């Protein structure tokens, strides 16, 4: 993953510094124009408005990208990836194991998880 590669590059540069050499900065990436950066989150409750506004919205929000983050962050192991015959998949929650912590909802980059309040028996 990127994190492992970054750790390796950091270790190699630390070694270079200890040996009295200059660190290798690698490829310097071009800066993104600040006008293109937005700190606003996609709000699914926004009206579609015009097509120019729709085009700026995140295209993957609300559709699972199969990243598996939800499975990794679930402290109870309540989420499972289930393969479906036609090479599709879905993530299922075991209600007997789910404690309703919301970690899956908070970690999901696509916003597919929703928590349903418990009802009194």
PDB file of N, CA and C in Angstrom:
ATOM      1  N   UNK A   1       0.843  -1.192   0.000  1.00  0.00           N
ATOM      2  CA  UNK A   1       0.000   0.000   0.000  1.00  0.00           C
ATOM      3  C   UNK A   1       0.877   1.240   0.000  1.00  0.00           C
ATOM      4  N   UNK A   2       0.238   2.395  -0.138  1.00  0.00           N
ATOM      5  CA  UNK A   2       0.971   3.658  -0.127  1.00  0.00           C
ATOM      6  C   UNK A   2       1.671   3.885   1.200  1.00  0.00           C
ATOM      7  N   UNK A   3       1.030   3.499   2.299  1.00  0.00           N
ATOM      8  CA  UNK A   3       1.614   3.725   3.620  1.00  0.00           C
ATOM      9  C   UNK A   3       2.907   2.934   3.792  1.00  0.00           C
ATOM     10  N   UNK A   4       2.929   1.705   3.317  1.00  0.00           N
ATOM     11  CA  UNK A   4       4.138   0.885   3.429  1.00  0.00           C
ATOM     12  C   UNK A   4       5.256   1.490   2.581  1.00  0.00           C
ATOM     13  N   UNK A   5       4.917   1.912   1.380  1.00  0.00           N
ATOM     14  CA  UNK A   5       5.913   2.543   0.512  1.00  0.00           C
ATOM     15  C   UNK A   5       6.455   3.829   1.111  1.00  0.00           C
ATOM     16  N   UNK A   6       5.583   4.629   1.725  1.00  0.00           N
ATOM     17  CA  UNK A   6       6.019   5.878   2.352  1.00  0.00           C
ATOM     18  C   UNK A   6       6.937   5.589   3.529  1.00  0.00           C
ATOM     19  N   UNK A   7       6.625   4.555   4.294  1.00  0.00           N
ATOM     20  CA  UNK A   7       7.475   4.175   5.423  1.00  0.00           C
ATOM     21  C   UNK A   7       8.854   3.738   4.960  1.00  0.00           C
ATOM     22  N   UNK A   8       8.897   2.989   3.868  1.00  0.00           N
ATOM     23  CA  UNK A   8      10.178   2.537   3.319  1.00  0.00           C
ATOM     24  C   UNK A   8      10.996   3.725   2.838  1.00  0.00           C
ATOM     25  N   UNK A   9      10.351   4.658   2.123  1.00  0.00           N
ATOM     26  CA  UNK A   9      11.063   5.845   1.642  1.00  0.00           C
ATOM     27  C   UNK A   9      11.591   6.672   2.811  1.00  0.00           C
ATOM     28  N   UNK A  10      10.798   6.788   3.870  1.00  0.00           N
ATOM     29  CA  UNK A  10      11.240   7.533   5.054  1.00  0.00           C
ATOM     30  C   UNK A  10      12.460   6.867   5.678  1.00  0.00           C
ATOM     31  N   UNK A  11      12.424   5.537   5.809  1.00  0.00           N
ATOM     32  CA  UNK A  11      13.553   4.813   6.402  1.00  0.00           C
ATOM     33  C   UNK A  11      14.811   4.975   5.552  1.00  0.00           C
ATOM     34  N   UNK A  12      14.675   4.892   4.234  1.00  0.00           N
ATOM     35  CA  UNK A  12      15.839   5.060   3.358  1.00  0.00           C
ATOM     36  C   UNK A  12      16.419   6.468   3.467  1.00  0.00           C
ATOM     37  N   UNK A  13      15.548   7.470   3.568  1.00  0.00           N
ATOM     38  CA  UNK A  13      16.029   8.845   3.702  1.00  0.00           C
ATOM     39  C   UNK A  13      16.684   9.081   5.052  1.00  0.00           C
ATOM     40  N   UNK A  14      16.161   8.475   6.107  1.00  0.00           N
ATOM     41  CA  UNK A  14      16.804   8.581   7.424  1.00  0.00           C
ATOM     42  C   UNK A  14      18.204   7.983   7.356  1.00  0.00           C
ATOM     43  N   UNK A  15      18.329   6.845   6.687  1.00  0.00           N
ATOM     44  CA  UNK A  15      19.635   6.211   6.518  1.00  0.00           C
ATOM     45  C   UNK A  15      20.580   7.123   5.734  1.00  0.00           C
ATOM     46  N   UNK A  16      20.078   7.769   4.685  1.00  0.00           N
ATOM     47  CA  UNK A  16      20.901   8.697   3.896  1.00  0.00           C
ATOM     48  C   UNK A  16      21.392   9.849   4.762  1.00  0.00           C
ATOM     49  N   UNK A  17      20.513  10.395   5.600  1.00  0.00           N
ATOM     50  CA  UNK A  17      20.896  11.515   6.467  1.00  0.00           C
ATOM     51  C   UNK A  17      21.961  11.071   7.468  1.00  0.00           C
ATOM     52  N   UNK A  18      21.771   9.887   8.062  1.00  0.00           N
ATOM     53  CA  UNK A  18      22.747   9.363   9.031  1.00  0.00           C
ATOM     54  C   UNK A  18      24.110   9.161   8.367  1.00  0.00           C
ATOM     55  N   UNK A  19      24.109   8.754   7.104  1.00  0.00           N
ATOM     56  CA  UNK A  19      25.359   8.543   6.365  1.00  0.00           C
ATOM     57  C   UNK A  19      25.955   9.853   5.836  1.00  0.00           C
ATOM     58  N   UNK A  20      25.330  10.984   6.153  1.00  0.00           N
ATOM     59  CA  UNK A  20      25.846  12.284   5.732  1.00  0.00           C
ATOM     60  C   UNK A  20      25.448  12.690   4.329  1.00  0.00           C
ATOM     61  N   UNK A  21      24.494  12.012   3.742  1.00  0.00           N
ATOM     62  CA  UNK A  21      24.034  12.346   2.394  1.00  0.00           C
ATOM     63  C   UNK A  21      22.753  13.171   2.478  1.00  0.00           C
ATOM     64  N   UNK A  22      22.422  13.808   1.364  1.00  0.00           N
ATOM     65  CA  UNK A  22      21.169  14.563   1.302  1.00  0.00           C
ATOM     66  C   UNK A  22      20.014  13.593   1.059  1.00  0.00           C
ATOM     67  N   UNK A  23      18.844  13.870   1.653  1.00  0.00           N
ATOM     68  CA  UNK A  23      17.691  12.988   1.414  1.00  0.00           C
ATOM     69  C   UNK A  23      17.207  13.088  -0.028  1.00  0.00           C
ATOM     70  N   UNK A  24      16.670  11.991  -0.522  1.00  0.00           N
ATOM     71  CA  UNK A  24      16.111  11.940  -1.868  1.00  0.00           C
ATOM     72  C   UNK A  24      14.648  12.361  -1.791  1.00  0.00           C
ATOM     73  N   UNK A  25      14.321  13.443  -2.452  1.00  0.00           N
ATOM     74  CA  UNK A  25      12.947  13.948  -2.404  1.00  0.00           C
ATOM     75  C   UNK A  25      12.051  13.290  -3.443  1.00  0.00           C
ATOM     76  N   UNK A  26      12.609  12.449  -4.271  1.00  0.00           N
ATOM     77  CA  UNK A  26      11.800  11.752  -5.269  1.00  0.00           C
ATOM     78  C   UNK A  26      11.243  12.716  -6.296  1.00  0.00           C
ATOM     79  N   UNK A  27      10.216  12.277  -6.964  1.00  0.00           N
ATOM     80  CA  UNK A  27       9.561  13.126  -7.952  1.00  0.00           C
ATOM     81  C   UNK A  27       8.739  14.182  -7.236  1.00  0.00           C
ATOM     82  N   UNK A  28       8.960  15.422  -7.577  1.00  0.00           N
ATOM     83  CA  UNK A  28       8.171  16.502  -6.993  1.00  0.00           C
ATOM     84  C   UNK A  28       6.934  16.667  -7.868  1.00  0.00           C
ATOM     85  N   UNK A  29       5.787  16.446  -7.260  1.00  0.00           N
ATOM     86  CA  UNK A  29       4.528  16.514  -7.997  1.00  0.00           C
ATOM     87  C   UNK A  29       4.098  17.961  -8.178  1.00  0.00           C
ATOM     88  N   UNK A  30       3.431  18.262  -9.279  1.00  0.00           N
ATOM     89  CA  UNK A  30       2.957  19.632  -9.481  1.00  0.00           C
ATOM     90  C   UNK A  30       1.876  19.979  -8.461  1.00  0.00           C
ATOM     91  N   UNK A  31       1.838  21.256  -8.082  1.00  0.00           N
ATOM     92  CA  UNK A  31       0.828  21.698  -7.126  1.00  0.00           C
ATOM     93  C   UNK A  31      -0.527  21.805  -7.807  1.00  0.00           C
ATOM     94  N   UNK A  32      -1.563  21.437  -7.067  1.00  0.00           N
ATOM     95  CA  UNK A  32      -2.925  21.570  -7.567  1.00  0.00           C
ATOM     96  C   UNK A  32      -3.345  23.023  -7.390  1.00  0.00           C
ATOM     97  N   UNK A  33      -3.979  23.579  -8.408  1.00  0.00           N
ATOM     98  CA  UNK A  33      -4.463  24.949  -8.329  1.00  0.00           C
ATOM     99  C   UNK A  33      -5.452  25.073  -7.176  1.00  0.00           C
ATOM    100  N   UNK A  34      -5.243  26.035  -6.297  1.00  0.00           N
ATOM    101  CA  UNK A  34      -6.084  26.190  -5.108  1.00  0.00           C
ATOM    102  C   UNK A  34      -7.551  26.447  -5.456  1.00  0.00           C
ATOM    103  N   UNK A  35      -7.818  26.949  -6.644  1.00  0.00           N
ATOM    104  CA  UNK A  35      -9.206  27.192  -7.048  1.00  0.00           C
ATOM    105  C   UNK A  35      -9.969  25.879  -7.240  1.00  0.00           C
ATOM    106  N   UNK A  36      -9.225  24.786  -7.485  1.00  0.00           N
ATOM    107  CA  UNK A  36      -9.864  23.488  -7.710  1.00  0.00           C
ATOM    108  C   UNK A  36     -10.127  22.727  -6.420  1.00  0.00           C
ATOM    109  N   UNK A  37      -9.617  23.223  -5.296  1.00  0.00           N
ATOM    110  CA  UNK A  37      -9.751  22.523  -4.025  1.00  0.00           C
ATOM    111  C   UNK A  37     -10.969  23.045  -3.285  1.00  0.00           C
ATOM    112  N   UNK A  38     -11.777  22.128  -2.810  1.00  0.00           N
ATOM    113  CA  UNK A  38     -12.965  22.489  -2.042  1.00  0.00           C
ATOM    114  C   UNK A  38     -12.980  21.668  -0.766  1.00  0.00           C
ATOM    115  N   UNK A  39     -13.257  22.320   0.340  1.00  0.00           N
ATOM    116  CA  UNK A  39     -13.314  21.618   1.616  1.00  0.00           C
ATOM    117  C   UNK A  39     -14.742  21.247   1.994  1.00  0.00           C
ATOM    118  N   UNK A  40     -15.676  21.463   1.090  1.00  0.00           N
ATOM    119  CA  UNK A  40     -17.066  21.133   1.366  1.00  0.00           C
ATOM    120  C   UNK A  40     -17.303  19.653   1.101  1.00  0.00           C
ATOM    121  N   UNK A  41     -18.131  19.057   1.932  1.00  0.00           N
ATOM    122  CA  UNK A  41     -18.484  17.654   1.756  1.00  0.00           C
ATOM    123  C   UNK A  41     -19.704  17.535   0.856  1.00  0.00           C
ATOM    124  N   UNK A  42     -19.801  16.427   0.172  1.00  0.00           N
ATOM    125  CA  UNK A  42     -20.981  16.139  -0.637  1.00  0.00           C
ATOM    126  C   UNK A  42     -22.173  15.971   0.281  1.00  0.00           C
ATOM    127  N   UNK A  43     -23.250  16.643  -0.018  1.00  0.00           N
ATOM    128  CA  UNK A  43     -24.469  16.543   0.771  1.00  0.00           C
ATOM    129  C   UNK A  43     -25.542  15.893  -0.096  1.00  0.00           C
ATOM    130  N   UNK A  44     -25.907  14.642   0.181  1.00  0.00           N
ATOM    131  CA  UNK A  44     -26.883  13.963  -0.675  1.00  0.00           C
ATOM    132  C   UNK A  44     -28.264  14.606  -0.637  1.00  0.00           C
ATOM    133  N   UNK A  45     -28.506  15.480   0.312  1.00  0.00           N
ATOM    134  CA  UNK A  45     -29.810  16.139   0.404  1.00  0.00           C
ATOM    135  C   UNK A  45     -29.908  17.365  -0.507  1.00  0.00           C
ATOM    136  N   UNK A  46     -28.805  17.749  -1.129  1.00  0.00           N
ATOM    137  CA  UNK A  46     -28.846  18.892  -2.038  1.00  0.00           C
ATOM    138  C   UNK A  46     -29.690  18.552  -3.260  1.00  0.00           C
ATOM    139  N   UNK A  47     -30.405  19.532  -3.745  1.00  0.00           N
ATOM    140  CA  UNK A  47     -31.155  19.338  -4.985  1.00  0.00           C
ATOM    141  C   UNK A  47     -30.178  19.239  -6.149  1.00  0.00           C
ATOM    142  N   UNK A  48     -30.612  18.564  -7.184  1.00  0.00           N
ATOM    143  CA  UNK A  48     -29.744  18.378  -8.344  1.00  0.00           C
ATOM    144  C   UNK A  48     -29.336  19.710  -8.953  1.00  0.00           C
ATOM    145  N   UNK A  49     -30.224  20.704  -8.916  1.00  0.00           N
ATOM    146  CA  UNK A  49     -29.871  22.007  -9.476  1.00  0.00           C
ATOM    147  C   UNK A  49     -29.599  21.889 -10.957  1.00  0.00           C
ATOM    148  N   UNK A  50     -28.529  22.516 -11.394  1.00  0.00           N
ATOM    149  CA  UNK A  50     -28.194  22.410 -12.814  1.00  0.00           C
ATOM    150  C   UNK A  50     -27.080  21.390 -13.024  1.00  0.00           C
ATOM    151  N   UNK A  51     -26.845  21.016 -14.252  1.00  0.00           N
ATOM    152  CA  UNK A  51     -25.881  19.962 -14.557  1.00  0.00           C
ATOM    153  C   UNK A  51     -24.457  20.336 -14.171  1.00  0.00           C
ATOM    154  N   UNK A  52     -24.118  21.620 -14.240  1.00  0.00           N
ATOM    155  CA  UNK A  52     -22.764  22.042 -13.873  1.00  0.00           C
ATOM    156  C   UNK A  52     -22.504  21.775 -12.397  1.00  0.00           C
ATOM    157  N   UNK A  53     -23.508  21.985 -11.556  1.00  0.00           N
ATOM    158  CA  UNK A  53     -23.354  21.720 -10.125  1.00  0.00           C
ATOM    159  C   UNK A  53     -23.274  20.215  -9.868  1.00  0.00           C
ATOM    160  N   UNK A  54     -24.070  19.439 -10.579  1.00  0.00           N
ATOM    161  CA  UNK A  54     -24.054  17.983 -10.399  1.00  0.00           C
ATOM    162  C   UNK A  54     -22.704  17.394 -10.791  1.00  0.00           C
ATOM    163  N   UNK A  55     -22.076  17.928 -11.802  1.00  0.00           N
ATOM    164  CA  UNK A  55     -20.805  17.407 -12.266  1.00  0.00           C
ATOM    165  C   UNK A  55     -19.684  17.563 -11.259  1.00  0.00           C
ATOM    166  N   UNK A  56     -19.826  18.514 -10.343  1.00  0.00           N
ATOM    167  CA  UNK A  56     -18.784  18.746  -9.342  1.00  0.00           C
ATOM    168  C   UNK A  56     -18.914  17.812  -8.147  1.00  0.00           C
ATOM    169  N   UNK A  57     -20.056  17.140  -8.025  1.00  0.00           N
ATOM    170  CA  UNK A  57     -20.271  16.248  -6.885  1.00  0.00           C
ATOM    171  C   UNK A  57     -19.461  14.969  -7.031  1.00  0.00           C
ATOM    172  N   UNK A  58     -19.176  14.346  -5.914  1.00  0.00           N
ATOM    173  CA  UNK A  58     -18.424  13.089  -5.891  1.00  0.00           C
ATOM    174  C   UNK A  58     -19.254  11.995  -6.562  1.00  0.00           C
ATOM    175  N   UNK A  59     -18.689  11.337  -7.547  1.00  0.00           N
ATOM    176  CA  UNK A  59     -19.434  10.326  -8.294  1.00  0.00           C
ATOM    177  C   UNK A  59     -19.531   8.994  -7.567  1.00  0.00           C
ATOM    178  N   UNK A  60     -18.664   8.760  -6.562  1.00  0.00           N
ATOM    179  CA  UNK A  60     -18.693   7.462  -5.895  1.00  0.00           C
ATOM    180  C   UNK A  60     -19.506   7.477  -4.612  1.00  0.00           C
ATOM    181  N   UNK A  61     -19.967   8.624  -4.178  1.00  0.00           N
ATOM    182  CA  UNK A  61     -20.736   8.676  -2.937  1.00  0.00           C
ATOM    183  C   UNK A  61     -22.036   7.895  -3.099  1.00  0.00           C
ATOM    184  N   UNK A  62     -22.340   7.085  -2.116  1.00  0.00           N
ATOM    185  CA  UNK A  62     -23.573   6.319  -2.147  1.00  0.00           C
ATOM    186  C   UNK A  62     -23.466   5.009  -2.899  1.00  0.00           C
ATOM    187  N   UNK A  63     -22.310   4.716  -3.466  1.00  0.00           N
ATOM    188  CA  UNK A  63     -22.112   3.459  -4.186  1.00  0.00           C
ATOM    189  C   UNK A  63     -20.828   2.825  -3.661  1.00  0.00           C
ATOM    190  N   UNK A  64     -20.927   1.615  -3.168  1.00  0.00           N
ATOM    191  CA  UNK A  64     -19.790   0.935  -2.536  1.00  0.00           C
ATOM    192  C   UNK A  64     -18.654   0.713  -3.530  1.00  0.00           C
ATOM    193  N   UNK A  65     -17.430   1.057  -3.107  1.00  0.00           N
ATOM    194  CA  UNK A  65     -16.244   0.857  -3.943  1.00  0.00           C
ATOM    195  C   UNK A  65     -15.509  -0.422  -3.568  1.00  0.00           C
ATOM    196  N   UNK A  66     -16.055  -1.196  -2.632  1.00  0.00           N
ATOM    197  CA  UNK A  66     -15.464  -2.471  -2.209  1.00  0.00           C
ATOM    198  C   UNK A  66     -14.060  -2.289  -1.633  1.00  0.00           C
ATOM    199  N   UNK A  67     -13.900  -1.258  -0.795  1.00  0.00           N
ATOM    200  CA  UNK A  67     -12.584  -1.000  -0.202  1.00  0.00           C
ATOM    201  C   UNK A  67     -12.339  -1.854   1.038  1.00  0.00           C
ATOM    202  N   UNK A  68     -13.405  -2.331   1.694  1.00  0.00           N
ATOM    203  CA  UNK A  68     -13.254  -3.187   2.864  1.00  0.00           C
ATOM    204  C   UNK A  68     -12.922  -2.465   4.156  1.00  0.00           C
ATOM    205  N   UNK A  69     -12.956  -1.140   4.146  1.00  0.00           N
ATOM    206  CA  UNK A  69     -12.645  -0.379   5.358  1.00  0.00           C
ATOM    207  C   UNK A  69     -13.636  -0.708   6.465  1.00  0.00           C
ATOM    208  N   UNK A  70     -14.894  -0.869   6.120  1.00  0.00           N
ATOM    209  CA  UNK A  70     -15.919  -1.158   7.130  1.00  0.00           C
ATOM    210  C   UNK A  70     -15.616  -2.460   7.871  1.00  0.00           C
ATOM    211  N   UNK A  71     -15.170  -3.468   7.141  1.00  0.00           N
ATOM    212  CA  UNK A  71     -14.826  -4.753   7.755  1.00  0.00           C
ATOM    213  C   UNK A  71     -13.636  -4.571   8.694  1.00  0.00           C
ATOM    214  N   UNK A  72     -12.668  -3.774   8.266  1.00  0.00           N
ATOM    215  CA  UNK A  72     -11.451  -3.578   9.054  1.00  0.00           C
ATOM    216  C   UNK A  72     -11.705  -2.804  10.344  1.00  0.00           C
ATOM    217  N   UNK A  73     -12.626  -1.837  10.328  1.00  0.00           N
ATOM    218  CA  UNK A  73     -12.826  -0.999  11.519  1.00  0.00           C
ATOM    219  C   UNK A  73     -13.857  -1.553  12.484  1.00  0.00           C
ATOM    220  N   UNK A  74     -14.641  -2.531  12.084  1.00  0.00           N
ATOM    221  CA  UNK A  74     -15.686  -3.069  12.963  1.00  0.00           C
ATOM    222  C   UNK A  74     -15.041  -3.811  14.140  1.00  0.00           C
ATOM    223  N   UNK A  75     -15.230  -3.313  15.381  1.00  0.00           N
ATOM    224  CA  UNK A  75     -14.575  -3.944  16.526  1.00  0.00           C
ATOM    225  C   UNK A  75     -15.144  -5.315  16.882  1.00  0.00           C
ATOM    226  N   UNK A  76     -16.336  -5.621  16.419  1.00  0.00           N
ATOM    227  CA  UNK A  76     -16.982  -6.890  16.754  1.00  0.00           C
ATOM    228  C   UNK A  76     -16.966  -7.892  15.605  1.00  0.00           C
ATOM    229  N   UNK A  77     -16.405  -7.512  14.465  1.00  0.00           N
ATOM    230  CA  UNK A  77     -16.385  -8.412  13.310  1.00  0.00           C
ATOM    231  C   UNK A  77     -17.781  -8.728  12.804  1.00  0.00           C
ATOM    232  N   UNK A  78     -18.665  -7.732  12.866  1.00  0.00           N
ATOM    233  CA  UNK A  78     -20.064  -7.947  12.501  1.00  0.00           C
ATOM    234  C   UNK A  78     -20.329  -7.787  11.009  1.00  0.00           C
ATOM    235  N   UNK A  79     -19.364  -7.270  10.256  1.00  0.00           N
ATOM    236  CA  UNK A  79     -19.568  -7.022   8.831  1.00  0.00           C
ATOM    237  C   UNK A  79     -18.800  -8.063   8.026  1.00  0.00           C
ATOM    238  N   UNK A  80     -19.474  -8.591   7.012  1.00  0.00           N
ATOM    239  CA  UNK A  80     -18.892  -9.647   6.191  1.00  0.00           C
ATOM    240  C   UNK A  80     -19.137  -9.332   4.720  1.00  0.00           C
ATOM    241  N   UNK A  81     -18.120  -9.565   3.888  1.00  0.00           N
ATOM    242  CA  UNK A  81     -18.272  -9.394   2.445  1.00  0.00           C
ATOM    243  C   UNK A  81     -18.774 -10.710   1.880  1.00  0.00           C
ATOM    244  N   UNK A  82     -19.890 -10.651   1.173  1.00  0.00           N
ATOM    245  CA  UNK A  82     -20.503 -11.851   0.610  1.00  0.00           C
ATOM    246  C   UNK A  82     -20.441 -11.760  -0.910  1.00  0.00           C
ATOM    247  N   UNK A  83     -19.853 -12.788  -1.525  1.00  0.00           N
ATOM    248  CA  UNK A  83     -19.762 -12.853  -2.982  1.00  0.00           C
ATOM    249  C   UNK A  83     -21.084 -13.366  -3.543  1.00  0.00           C
ATOM    250  N   UNK A  84     -21.553 -12.735  -4.597  1.00  0.00           N
ATOM    251  CA  UNK A  84     -22.778 -13.151  -5.272  1.00  0.00           C
ATOM    252  C   UNK A  84     -22.367 -13.801  -6.597  1.00  0.00           C
ATOM    253  N   UNK A  85     -23.179 -14.700  -7.111  1.00  0.00           N
ATOM    254  CA  UNK A  85     -22.826 -15.511  -8.292  1.00  0.00           C
ATOM    255  C   UNK A  85     -22.272 -14.711  -9.465  1.00  0.00           C
ATOM    256  N   UNK A  86     -22.883 -13.617  -9.824  1.00  0.00           N
ATOM    257  CA  UNK A  86     -22.503 -12.900 -11.046  1.00  0.00           C
ATOM    258  C   UNK A  86     -21.315 -11.953 -10.831  1.00  0.00           C
ATOM    259  N   UNK A  87     -20.356 -12.350 -10.034  1.00  0.00           N
ATOM    260  CA  UNK A  87     -19.144 -11.588  -9.739  1.00  0.00           C
ATOM    261  C   UNK A  87     -19.437 -10.277  -9.028  1.00  0.00           C
ATOM    262  N   UNK A  88     -20.609 -10.174  -8.440  1.00  0.00           N
ATOM    263  CA  UNK A  88     -20.952  -9.001  -7.654  1.00  0.00           C
ATOM    264  C   UNK A  88     -20.726  -9.337  -6.180  1.00  0.00           C
ATOM    265  N   UNK A  89     -21.000  -8.407  -5.320  1.00  0.00           N
ATOM    266  CA  UNK A  89     -20.776  -8.613  -3.894  1.00  0.00           C
ATOM    267  C   UNK A  89     -21.733  -7.724  -3.108  1.00  0.00           C
ATOM    268  N   UNK A  90     -21.812  -8.002  -1.818  1.00  0.00           N
ATOM    269  CA  UNK A  90     -22.494  -7.096  -0.907  1.00  0.00           C
ATOM    270  C   UNK A  90     -21.889  -7.285   0.479  1.00  0.00           C
ATOM    271  N   UNK A  91     -21.999  -6.263   1.288  1.00  0.00           N
ATOM    272  CA  UNK A  91     -21.526  -6.347   2.662  1.00  0.00           C
ATOM    273  C   UNK A  91     -22.744  -6.518   3.553  1.00  0.00           C
ATOM    274  N   UNK A  92     -22.709  -7.543   4.392  1.00  0.00           N
ATOM    275  CA  UNK A  92     -23.836  -7.844   5.272  1.00  0.00           C
ATOM    276  C   UNK A  92     -23.410  -7.677   6.720  1.00  0.00           C
ATOM    277  N   UNK A  93     -24.359  -7.219   7.529  1.00  0.00           N
ATOM    278  CA  UNK A  93     -24.118  -7.034   8.955  1.00  0.00           C
ATOM    279  C   UNK A  93     -24.825  -8.138   9.720  1.00  0.00           C
ATOM    280  N   UNK A  94     -24.124  -8.751  10.644  1.00  0.00           N
ATOM    281  CA  UNK A  94     -24.716  -9.736  11.539  1.00  0.00           C
ATOM    282  C   UNK A  94     -25.317  -8.961  12.713  1.00  0.00           C
ATOM    283  N   UNK A  95     -26.651  -8.871  12.801  1.00  0.00           N
ATOM    284  CA  UNK A  95     -27.280  -8.064  13.850  1.00  0.00           C
ATOM    285  C   UNK A  95     -27.005  -8.576  15.262  1.00  0.00           C
ATOM    286  N   UNK A  96     -26.654  -9.853  15.385  1.00  0.00           N
ATOM    287  CA  UNK A  96     -26.341 -10.393  16.710  1.00  0.00           C
ATOM    288  C   UNK A  96     -24.980  -9.917  17.211  1.00  0.00           C
ATOM    289  N   UNK A  97     -24.115  -9.513  16.306  1.00  0.00           N
ATOM    290  CA  UNK A  97     -22.771  -9.061  16.697  1.00  0.00           C
ATOM    291  C   UNK A  97     -22.635  -7.545  16.690  1.00  0.00           C
ATOM    292  N   UNK A  98     -23.465  -6.855  15.903  1.00  0.00           N
ATOM    293  CA  UNK A  98     -23.366  -5.396  15.776  1.00  0.00           C
ATOM    294  C   UNK A  98     -23.750  -4.722  17.092  1.00  0.00           C
ATOM    295  N   UNK A  99     -22.888  -3.798  17.562  1.00  0.00           N
ATOM    296  CA  UNK A  99     -23.162  -3.064  18.801  1.00  0.00           C
ATOM    297  C   UNK A  99     -23.616  -1.636  18.522  1.00  0.00           C
ATOM    298  N   UNK A 100     -23.730  -1.265  17.259  1.00  0.00           N
ATOM    299  CA  UNK A 100     -24.218   0.063  16.901  1.00  0.00           C
ATOM    300  C   UNK A 100     -23.237   1.187  17.171  1.00  0.00           C
ATOM    301  N   UNK A 101     -21.942   0.896  17.144  1.00  0.00           N
ATOM    302  CA  UNK A 101     -20.930   1.916  17.458  1.00  0.00           C
ATOM    303  C   UNK A 101     -20.817   2.983  16.368  1.00  0.00           C
ATOM    304  N   UNK A 102     -21.170   2.641  15.135  1.00  0.00           N
ATOM    305  CA  UNK A 102     -21.116   3.604  14.041  1.00  0.00           C
ATOM    306  C   UNK A 102     -19.749   3.767  13.400  1.00  0.00           C
ATOM    307  N   UNK A 103     -18.778   2.926  13.773  1.00  0.00           N
ATOM    308  CA  UNK A 103     -17.448   3.033  13.173  1.00  0.00           C
ATOM    309  C   UNK A 103     -17.522   2.831  11.662  1.00  0.00           C
ATOM    310  N   UNK A 104     -18.350   1.887  11.224  1.00  0.00           N
ATOM    311  CA  UNK A 104     -18.475   1.607   9.789  1.00  0.00           C
ATOM    312  C   UNK A 104     -19.002   2.841   9.054  1.00  0.00           C
ATOM    313  N   UNK A 105     -19.994   3.473   9.628  1.00  0.00           N
ATOM    314  CA  UNK A 105     -20.586   4.661   9.012  1.00  0.00           C
ATOM    315  C   UNK A 105     -19.576   5.797   8.948  1.00  0.00           C
ATOM    316  N   UNK A 106     -18.818   5.981  10.025  1.00  0.00           N
ATOM    317  CA  UNK A 106     -17.840   7.059  10.063  1.00  0.00           C
ATOM    318  C   UNK A 106     -16.650   6.839   9.143  1.00  0.00           C
ATOM    319  N   UNK A 107     -16.280   5.586   8.922  1.00  0.00           N
ATOM    320  CA  UNK A 107     -15.084   5.288   8.126  1.00  0.00           C
ATOM    321  C   UNK A 107     -15.363   5.138   6.641  1.00  0.00           C
ATOM    322  N   UNK A 108     -16.599   4.878   6.273  1.00  0.00           N
ATOM    323  CA  UNK A 108     -16.934   4.602   4.868  1.00  0.00           C
ATOM    324  C   UNK A 108     -16.753   5.854   4.005  1.00  0.00           C
ATOM    325  N   UNK A 109     -15.870   5.805   2.996  1.00  0.00           N
ATOM    326  CA  UNK A 109     -15.674   6.974   2.141  1.00  0.00           C
ATOM    327  C   UNK A 109     -16.838   7.221   1.183  1.00  0.00           C
ATOM    328  N   UNK A 110     -17.730   6.246   1.039  1.00  0.00           N
ATOM    329  CA  UNK A 110     -18.846   6.375   0.097  1.00  0.00           C
ATOM    330  C   UNK A 110     -20.172   6.700   0.774  1.00  0.00           C
ATOM    331  N   UNK A 111     -20.221   6.596   2.096  1.00  0.00           N
ATOM    332  CA  UNK A 111     -21.448   6.925   2.821  1.00  0.00           C
ATOM    333  C   UNK A 111     -22.577   5.934   2.625  1.00  0.00           C
ATOM    334  N   UNK A 112     -22.259   4.654   2.450  1.00  0.00           N
ATOM    335  CA  UNK A 112     -23.329   3.685   2.201  1.00  0.00           C
ATOM    336  C   UNK A 112     -23.970   3.167   3.478  1.00  0.00           C
ATOM    337  N   UNK A 113     -23.276   3.294   4.619  1.00  0.00           N
ATOM    338  CA  UNK A 113     -23.808   2.733   5.864  1.00  0.00           C
ATOM    339  C   UNK A 113     -24.732   3.725   6.540  1.00  0.00           C
ATOM    340  N   UNK A 114     -25.794   3.185   7.123  1.00  0.00           N
ATOM    341  CA  UNK A 114     -26.729   3.998   7.890  1.00  0.00           C
ATOM    342  C   UNK A 114     -27.109   3.202   9.129  1.00  0.00           C
ATOM    343  N   UNK A 115     -27.248   3.886  10.237  1.00  0.00           N
ATOM    344  CA  UNK A 115     -27.619   3.215  11.480  1.00  0.00           C
ATOM    345  C   UNK A 115     -29.108   3.390  11.719  1.00  0.00           C
ATOM    346  N   UNK A 116     -29.754   2.330  12.136  1.00  0.00           N
ATOM    347  CA  UNK A 116     -31.186   2.361  12.435  1.00  0.00           C
ATOM    348  C   UNK A 116     -31.335   2.331  13.948  1.00  0.00           C
ATOM    349  N   UNK A 117     -32.054   3.302  14.523  1.00  0.00           N
ATOM    350  CA  UNK A 117     -32.208   3.316  15.982  1.00  0.00           C
ATOM    351  C   UNK A 117     -32.892   2.045  16.483  1.00  0.00           C
ATOM    352  N   UNK A 118     -32.453   1.586  17.647  1.00  0.00           N
ATOM    353  CA  UNK A 118     -33.087   0.422  18.267  1.00  0.00           C
ATOM    354  C   UNK A 118     -34.501   0.782  18.699  1.00  0.00           C
ATOM    355  N   UNK A 119     -35.381  -0.191  18.606  1.00  0.00           N
ATOM    356  CA  UNK A 119     -36.750   0.020  19.072  1.00  0.00           C
ATOM    357  C   UNK A 119     -36.957  -0.783  20.346  1.00  0.00           C
ATOM    358  N   UNK A 120     -37.784  -0.257  21.222  1.00  0.00           N
ATOM    359  CA  UNK A 120     -38.062  -0.952  22.483  1.00  0.00           C
ATOM    360  C   UNK A 120     -38.830  -2.233  22.204  1.00  0.00           C
ATOM    361  N   UNK A 121     -38.499  -3.272  22.946  1.00  0.00           N
ATOM    362  CA  UNK A 121     -39.197  -4.551  22.767  1.00  0.00           C
ATOM    363  C   UNK A 121     -40.475  -4.572  23.550  1.00  0.00           C
TER     364      UNK A 121
END
